[in-house]
């Protein structure tokens, strides 16, 4: 199981992709992560803040 957020560089999975039985089973997740990091490189960091109760 997993999710992604449209328009944001956010995704997750509900298992341990590094523990897959085959050498390439979850390779696509790591490729996606690296591509998202590269796309954000050089962009200013914008921390998200939330007030208690949100």
PDB file of N, CA and C in Angstrom:
ATOM      1  N   UNK A   1       0.842  -1.177   0.000  1.00  0.00           N
ATOM      2  CA  UNK A   1       0.000   0.000   0.000  1.00  0.00           C
ATOM      3  C   UNK A   1       0.883   1.234   0.000  1.00  0.00           C
ATOM      4  N   UNK A   2       0.371   2.318  -0.516  1.00  0.00           N
ATOM      5  CA  UNK A   2       1.123   3.557  -0.544  1.00  0.00           C
ATOM      6  C   UNK A   2       0.245   4.717  -0.950  1.00  0.00           C
ATOM      7  N   UNK A   3       0.844   5.901  -0.968  1.00  0.00           N
ATOM      8  CA  UNK A   3       0.109   7.085  -1.400  1.00  0.00           C
ATOM      9  C   UNK A   3       1.079   8.085  -1.995  1.00  0.00           C
ATOM     10  N   UNK A   4       0.518   9.007  -2.776  1.00  0.00           N
ATOM     11  CA  UNK A   4       1.286  10.132  -3.296  1.00  0.00           C
ATOM     12  C   UNK A   4       0.388  11.361  -3.270  1.00  0.00           C
ATOM     13  N   UNK A   5       0.997  12.530  -3.309  1.00  0.00           N
ATOM     14  CA  UNK A   5       0.252  13.782  -3.247  1.00  0.00           C
ATOM     15  C   UNK A   5       0.427  14.499  -4.583  1.00  0.00           C
ATOM     16  N   UNK A   6      -0.686  14.720  -5.300  1.00  0.00           N
ATOM     17  CA  UNK A   6      -0.625  15.421  -6.580  1.00  0.00           C
ATOM     18  C   UNK A   6      -0.069  16.824  -6.396  1.00  0.00           C
ATOM     19  N   UNK A   7       0.869  17.187  -7.251  1.00  0.00           N
ATOM     20  CA  UNK A   7       1.431  18.528  -7.211  1.00  0.00           C
ATOM     21  C   UNK A   7       2.503  18.749  -6.162  1.00  0.00           C
ATOM     22  N   UNK A   8       2.820  17.722  -5.385  1.00  0.00           N
ATOM     23  CA  UNK A   8       3.857  17.825  -4.351  1.00  0.00           C
ATOM     24  C   UNK A   8       4.822  16.648  -4.518  1.00  0.00           C
ATOM     25  N   UNK A   9       6.096  16.835  -4.182  1.00  0.00           N
ATOM     26  CA  UNK A   9       7.053  15.733  -4.290  1.00  0.00           C
ATOM     27  C   UNK A   9       6.980  14.817  -3.067  1.00  0.00           C
ATOM     28  N   UNK A  10       5.802  14.224  -2.867  1.00  0.00           N
ATOM     29  CA  UNK A  10       5.560  13.409  -1.675  1.00  0.00           C
ATOM     30  C   UNK A  10       5.002  12.051  -2.090  1.00  0.00           C
ATOM     31  N   UNK A  11       5.575  10.991  -1.539  1.00  0.00           N
ATOM     32  CA  UNK A  11       5.003   9.659  -1.709  1.00  0.00           C
ATOM     33  C   UNK A  11       5.472   8.783  -0.553  1.00  0.00           C
ATOM     34  N   UNK A  12       4.750   7.711  -0.307  1.00  0.00           N
ATOM     35  CA  UNK A  12       5.128   6.792   0.770  1.00  0.00           C
ATOM     36  C   UNK A  12       4.662   5.388   0.426  1.00  0.00           C
ATOM     37  N   UNK A  13       5.219   4.432   1.125  1.00  0.00           N
ATOM     38  CA  UNK A  13       4.783   3.037   1.010  1.00  0.00           C
ATOM     39  C   UNK A  13       4.631   2.465   2.409  1.00  0.00           C
ATOM     40  N   UNK A  14       3.798   1.455   2.536  1.00  0.00           N
ATOM     41  CA  UNK A  14       3.544   0.832   3.832  1.00  0.00           C
ATOM     42  C   UNK A  14       4.168  -0.562   3.850  1.00  0.00           C
ATOM     43  N   UNK A  15       5.475  -0.614   3.703  1.00  0.00           N
ATOM     44  CA  UNK A  15       6.256  -1.842   3.841  1.00  0.00           C
ATOM     45  C   UNK A  15       7.719  -1.434   3.795  1.00  0.00           C
ATOM     46  N   UNK A  16       8.611  -2.366   3.938  1.00  0.00           N
ATOM     47  CA  UNK A  16      10.041  -2.070   3.911  1.00  0.00           C
ATOM     48  C   UNK A  16      10.585  -2.420   2.532  1.00  0.00           C
ATOM     49  N   UNK A  17      10.680  -1.425   1.615  1.00  0.00           N
ATOM     50  CA  UNK A  17      11.131  -1.730   0.260  1.00  0.00           C
ATOM     51  C   UNK A  17      12.550  -2.285   0.207  1.00  0.00           C
ATOM     52  N   UNK A  18      13.375  -1.952   1.180  1.00  0.00           N
ATOM     53  CA  UNK A  18      14.744  -2.472   1.180  1.00  0.00           C
ATOM     54  C   UNK A  18      14.797  -3.949   1.542  1.00  0.00           C
ATOM     55  N   UNK A  19      13.700  -4.491   2.032  1.00  0.00           N
ATOM     56  CA  UNK A  19      13.659  -5.896   2.441  1.00  0.00           C
ATOM     57  C   UNK A  19      12.999  -6.779   1.385  1.00  0.00           C
ATOM     58  N   UNK A  20      12.918  -6.301   0.146  1.00  0.00           N
ATOM     59  CA  UNK A  20      12.255  -7.076  -0.911  1.00  0.00           C
ATOM     60  C   UNK A  20      13.055  -8.335  -1.230  1.00  0.00           C
ATOM     61  N   UNK A  21      12.381  -9.399  -1.682  1.00  0.00           N
ATOM     62  CA  UNK A  21      13.065 -10.652  -1.952  1.00  0.00           C
ATOM     63  C   UNK A  21      13.971 -10.614  -3.178  1.00  0.00           C
ATOM     64  N   UNK A  22      13.665  -9.763  -4.151  1.00  0.00           N
ATOM     65  CA  UNK A  22      14.473  -9.696  -5.368  1.00  0.00           C
ATOM     66  C   UNK A  22      15.322  -8.441  -5.394  1.00  0.00           C
ATOM     67  N   UNK A  23      16.401  -8.446  -6.165  1.00  0.00           N
ATOM     68  CA  UNK A  23      17.319  -7.298  -6.162  1.00  0.00           C
ATOM     69  C   UNK A  23      16.740  -6.028  -6.774  1.00  0.00           C
ATOM     70  N   UNK A  24      15.715  -6.119  -7.612  1.00  0.00           N
ATOM     71  CA  UNK A  24      15.165  -4.945  -8.284  1.00  0.00           C
ATOM     72  C   UNK A  24      13.693  -4.715  -7.974  1.00  0.00           C
ATOM     73  N   UNK A  25      13.102  -5.460  -7.048  1.00  0.00           N
ATOM     74  CA  UNK A  25      11.660  -5.386  -6.808  1.00  0.00           C
ATOM     75  C   UNK A  25      11.169  -3.981  -6.477  1.00  0.00           C
ATOM     76  N   UNK A  26      11.916  -3.227  -5.709  1.00  0.00           N
ATOM     77  CA  UNK A  26      11.487  -1.885  -5.303  1.00  0.00           C
ATOM     78  C   UNK A  26      12.393  -0.801  -5.866  1.00  0.00           C
ATOM     79  N   UNK A  27      13.177  -1.153  -6.859  1.00  0.00           N
ATOM     80  CA  UNK A  27      14.117  -0.203  -7.463  1.00  0.00           C
ATOM     81  C   UNK A  27      13.405   1.061  -7.932  1.00  0.00           C
ATOM     82  N   UNK A  28      12.184   0.923  -8.441  1.00  0.00           N
ATOM     83  CA  UNK A  28      11.438   2.082  -8.953  1.00  0.00           C
ATOM     84  C   UNK A  28      11.185   3.121  -7.861  1.00  0.00           C
ATOM     85  N   UNK A  29      11.017   2.691  -6.611  1.00  0.00           N
ATOM     86  CA  UNK A  29      10.795   3.641  -5.515  1.00  0.00           C
ATOM     87  C   UNK A  29      12.046   4.475  -5.252  1.00  0.00           C
ATOM     88  N   UNK A  30      13.188   3.811  -5.235  1.00  0.00           N
ATOM     89  CA  UNK A  30      14.434   4.526  -4.983  1.00  0.00           C
ATOM     90  C   UNK A  30      14.773   5.447  -6.151  1.00  0.00           C
ATOM     91  N   UNK A  31      14.480   5.009  -7.377  1.00  0.00           N
ATOM     92  CA  UNK A  31      14.690   5.852  -8.550  1.00  0.00           C
ATOM     93  C   UNK A  31      13.804   7.091  -8.473  1.00  0.00           C
ATOM     94  N   UNK A  32      12.554   6.911  -8.097  1.00  0.00           N
ATOM     95  CA  UNK A  32      11.635   8.045  -7.969  1.00  0.00           C
ATOM     96  C   UNK A  32      12.136   9.022  -6.904  1.00  0.00           C
ATOM     97  N   UNK A  33      12.592   8.495  -5.770  1.00  0.00           N
ATOM     98  CA  UNK A  33      13.104   9.341  -4.694  1.00  0.00           C
ATOM     99  C   UNK A  33      14.306  10.159  -5.167  1.00  0.00           C
ATOM    100  N   UNK A  34      15.271   9.510  -5.799  1.00  0.00           N
ATOM    101  CA  UNK A  34      16.469  10.199  -6.284  1.00  0.00           C
ATOM    102  C   UNK A  34      16.094  11.272  -7.300  1.00  0.00           C
ATOM    103  N   UNK A  35      15.162  10.965  -8.197  1.00  0.00           N
ATOM    104  CA  UNK A  35      14.728  11.955  -9.186  1.00  0.00           C
ATOM    105  C   UNK A  35      14.063  13.156  -8.524  1.00  0.00           C
ATOM    106  N   UNK A  36      13.293  12.925  -7.469  1.00  0.00           N
ATOM    107  CA  UNK A  36      12.658  14.041  -6.760  1.00  0.00           C
ATOM    108  C   UNK A  36      13.693  14.891  -6.035  1.00  0.00           C
ATOM    109  N   UNK A  37      14.692  14.264  -5.450  1.00  0.00           N
ATOM    110  CA  UNK A  37      15.762  15.019  -4.784  1.00  0.00           C
ATOM    111  C   UNK A  37      16.496  15.875  -5.808  1.00  0.00           C
ATOM    112  N   UNK A  38      16.820  15.289  -6.954  1.00  0.00           N
ATOM    113  CA  UNK A  38      17.522  16.044  -7.997  1.00  0.00           C
ATOM    114  C   UNK A  38      16.677  17.212  -8.498  1.00  0.00           C
ATOM    115  N   UNK A  39      15.382  17.027  -8.616  1.00  0.00           N
ATOM    116  CA  UNK A  39      14.493  18.092  -9.093  1.00  0.00           C
ATOM    117  C   UNK A  39      14.433  19.250  -8.103  1.00  0.00           C
ATOM    118  N   UNK A  40      14.596  18.961  -6.820  1.00  0.00           N
ATOM    119  CA  UNK A  40      14.519  19.995  -5.778  1.00  0.00           C
ATOM    120  C   UNK A  40      15.870  20.638  -5.496  1.00  0.00           C
ATOM    121  N   UNK A  41      16.939  20.071  -6.003  1.00  0.00           N
ATOM    122  CA  UNK A  41      18.288  20.573  -5.724  1.00  0.00           C
ATOM    123  C   UNK A  41      18.395  22.046  -6.115  1.00  0.00           C
ATOM    124  N   UNK A  42      18.890  22.838  -5.206  1.00  0.00           N
ATOM    125  CA  UNK A  42      19.064  24.253  -5.454  1.00  0.00           C
ATOM    126  C   UNK A  42      17.839  25.087  -5.136  1.00  0.00           C
ATOM    127  N   UNK A  43      16.726  24.456  -4.863  1.00  0.00           N
ATOM    128  CA  UNK A  43      15.524  25.203  -4.513  1.00  0.00           C
ATOM    129  C   UNK A  43      15.568  25.521  -3.022  1.00  0.00           C
ATOM    130  N   UNK A  44      15.084  26.675  -2.622  1.00  0.00           N
ATOM    131  CA  UNK A  44      15.104  27.015  -1.193  1.00  0.00           C
ATOM    132  C   UNK A  44      14.204  26.079  -0.389  1.00  0.00           C
ATOM    133  N   UNK A  45      14.635  25.798   0.805  1.00  0.00           N
ATOM    134  CA  UNK A  45      13.827  24.960   1.686  1.00  0.00           C
ATOM    135  C   UNK A  45      12.689  25.785   2.262  1.00  0.00           C
ATOM    136  N   UNK A  46      11.503  25.230   2.242  1.00  0.00           N
ATOM    137  CA  UNK A  46      10.335  25.906   2.809  1.00  0.00           C
ATOM    138  C   UNK A  46       9.715  24.968   3.840  1.00  0.00           C
ATOM    139  N   UNK A  47      10.122  25.092   5.103  1.00  0.00           N
ATOM    140  CA  UNK A  47       9.577  24.183   6.109  1.00  0.00           C
ATOM    141  C   UNK A  47       8.077  24.374   6.280  1.00  0.00           C
ATOM    142  N   UNK A  48       7.398  23.283   6.481  1.00  0.00           N
ATOM    143  CA  UNK A  48       5.963  23.315   6.758  1.00  0.00           C
ATOM    144  C   UNK A  48       5.781  23.511   8.255  1.00  0.00           C
ATOM    145  N   UNK A  49       4.870  24.365   8.641  1.00  0.00           N
ATOM    146  CA  UNK A  49       4.574  24.552  10.053  1.00  0.00           C
ATOM    147  C   UNK A  49       3.087  24.349  10.279  1.00  0.00           C
ATOM    148  N   UNK A  50       2.771  23.830  11.423  1.00  0.00           N
ATOM    149  CA  UNK A  50       1.378  23.614  11.800  1.00  0.00           C
ATOM    150  C   UNK A  50       1.209  24.006  13.253  1.00  0.00           C
ATOM    151  N   UNK A  51       0.075  24.561  13.568  1.00  0.00           N
ATOM    152  CA  UNK A  51      -0.236  24.870  14.955  1.00  0.00           C
ATOM    153  C   UNK A  51      -0.830  23.631  15.605  1.00  0.00           C
ATOM    154  N   UNK A  52      -0.657  23.518  16.898  1.00  0.00           N
ATOM    155  CA  UNK A  52      -1.216  22.387  17.631  1.00  0.00           C
ATOM    156  C   UNK A  52      -2.713  22.285  17.359  1.00  0.00           C
ATOM    157  N   UNK A  53      -3.172  21.083  17.102  1.00  0.00           N
ATOM    158  CA  UNK A  53      -4.588  20.856  16.858  1.00  0.00           C
ATOM    159  C   UNK A  53      -4.980  20.854  15.394  1.00  0.00           C
ATOM    160  N   UNK A  54      -4.060  21.211  14.513  1.00  0.00           N
ATOM    161  CA  UNK A  54      -4.386  21.212  13.080  1.00  0.00           C
ATOM    162  C   UNK A  54      -4.287  19.817  12.521  1.00  0.00           C
TER     163      UNK A  54
END
